[in-house]
């Protein structure tokens, strides 16, 4: 990923259209920051997730990962820092 792509992603919420109005975190929602990998710097909305779901992490669709379109980036909760999820790799 080049620096232009990285700048585009910073401060955005995963799954929101970058060109749509009203971007960014919304009041009353619970977010974690994605750290490392292709979605580094994005916020991910975990509002309504159970503790078990949060502990499992997420496989998030992205075109920016190793497998391109249709691939997923794997993110897991950081031990001792519940507000950050670390990238653990990509999967098809």
Protein backbone atom coordinates (compact mmCIF):
# COMPACT_ATOMS: atom_id res chain seq x y z
CA UNK A 1 0.00 0.00 0.00
CA UNK A 2 1.42 3.39 -0.91
CA UNK A 3 1.32 6.50 1.29
CA UNK A 4 -1.68 7.96 -0.60
CA UNK A 5 -3.74 4.86 0.28
CA UNK A 6 -2.58 5.05 3.90
CA UNK A 7 -3.60 8.71 4.21
CA UNK A 8 -7.03 7.96 2.72
CA UNK A 9 -7.71 5.29 5.34
CA UNK A 10 -6.60 7.19 8.46
CA UNK A 11 -9.44 8.38 10.71
CA UNK A 12 -12.12 6.47 8.83
CA UNK A 13 -14.52 3.78 9.95
CA UNK A 14 -14.24 0.37 8.29
CA UNK A 15 -17.18 -0.23 5.96
CA UNK A 16 -18.07 3.42 5.38
CA UNK A 17 -17.84 4.86 1.88
CA UNK A 18 -14.90 7.33 1.92
CA UNK A 19 -16.75 9.78 -0.34
CA UNK A 20 -20.07 9.82 1.53
CA UNK A 21 -21.02 12.67 3.86
CA UNK A 22 -20.99 12.17 7.62
CA UNK A 23 -17.90 10.00 7.74
CA UNK A 24 -16.18 9.11 10.96
CA UNK A 25 -17.18 7.67 14.29
CA UNK A 26 -20.73 8.23 15.48
CA UNK A 27 -21.76 9.06 19.04
CA UNK A 28 -23.02 6.10 21.05
CA UNK A 29 -21.09 3.52 19.02
CA UNK A 30 -18.21 1.36 20.32
CA UNK A 31 -15.08 1.23 18.16
CA UNK A 32 -11.68 -0.43 18.19
CA UNK A 33 -8.67 0.79 16.24
CA UNK A 34 -7.21 -1.63 13.69
CA UNK A 35 -3.41 -1.74 14.00
CA UNK A 36 -1.08 -3.00 11.28
CA UNK A 37 -1.88 -4.74 8.03
CA UNK A 38 -3.95 -3.38 5.16
CA UNK A 39 -6.58 -1.67 7.35
CA UNK A 40 -4.14 0.05 9.71
CA UNK A 41 -5.62 3.16 11.28
CA UNK A 42 -9.27 2.39 10.53
CA UNK A 43 -11.84 2.23 13.28
CA UNK A 44 -14.03 -0.87 13.45
CA UNK A 45 -17.53 -0.70 14.95
CA UNK A 46 -18.12 -3.42 17.56
CA UNK A 47 -21.38 -1.97 18.90
CA UNK A 48 -23.62 -4.79 20.09
CA UNK A 49 -20.91 -7.45 19.99
CA UNK A 50 -20.79 -9.93 22.86
CA UNK A 51 -17.62 -10.47 24.89
CA UNK A 52 -17.17 -13.84 23.16
CA UNK A 53 -17.45 -12.25 19.70
CA UNK A 54 -14.96 -9.54 20.65
CA UNK A 55 -12.51 -12.13 22.00
CA UNK A 56 -12.65 -13.96 18.66
CA UNK A 57 -11.65 -10.92 16.58
CA UNK A 58 -12.68 -10.51 12.96
CA UNK A 59 -11.85 -11.46 9.38
CA UNK A 60 -12.55 -8.23 7.48
CA UNK A 61 -13.02 -8.06 3.72
CA UNK A 62 -10.47 -5.89 1.94
CA UNK A 63 -9.02 -5.46 -1.53
CA UNK A 64 -5.80 -4.12 -0.02
CA UNK A 65 -4.54 -7.39 1.48
CA UNK A 66 -2.33 -10.13 0.11
CA UNK A 67 -5.23 -11.86 -1.68
CA UNK A 68 -6.80 -8.79 -3.32
CA UNK A 69 -10.51 -8.68 -4.08
CA UNK A 70 -12.37 -11.20 -1.95
CA UNK A 71 -9.56 -11.52 0.55
CA UNK A 72 -9.82 -10.86 4.26
CA UNK A 73 -7.53 -9.29 6.84
CA UNK A 74 -7.49 -10.99 10.24
CA UNK A 75 -7.57 -8.80 13.35
CA UNK A 76 -7.43 -9.94 16.98
CA UNK A 77 -7.91 -8.02 20.24
CA UNK A 78 -4.67 -6.76 21.75
CA UNK A 79 -3.96 -8.24 25.18
CA UNK A 80 -4.17 -5.52 27.81
CA UNK A 81 -5.50 -2.89 25.37
CA UNK A 82 -9.16 -3.55 24.50
CA UNK A 83 -9.33 -0.48 22.25
CA UNK A 84 -6.91 -1.91 19.68
CA UNK A 85 -6.99 -4.98 17.47
CA UNK A 86 -3.78 -6.21 15.87
CA UNK A 87 -3.43 -7.61 12.37
CA UNK A 88 -2.44 -11.27 12.35
CA UNK A 89 -2.39 -11.95 8.60
CA UNK A 90 -4.51 -12.27 5.48
CA UNK A 91 -6.67 -15.10 4.22
CA UNK A 92 -8.39 -15.76 0.86
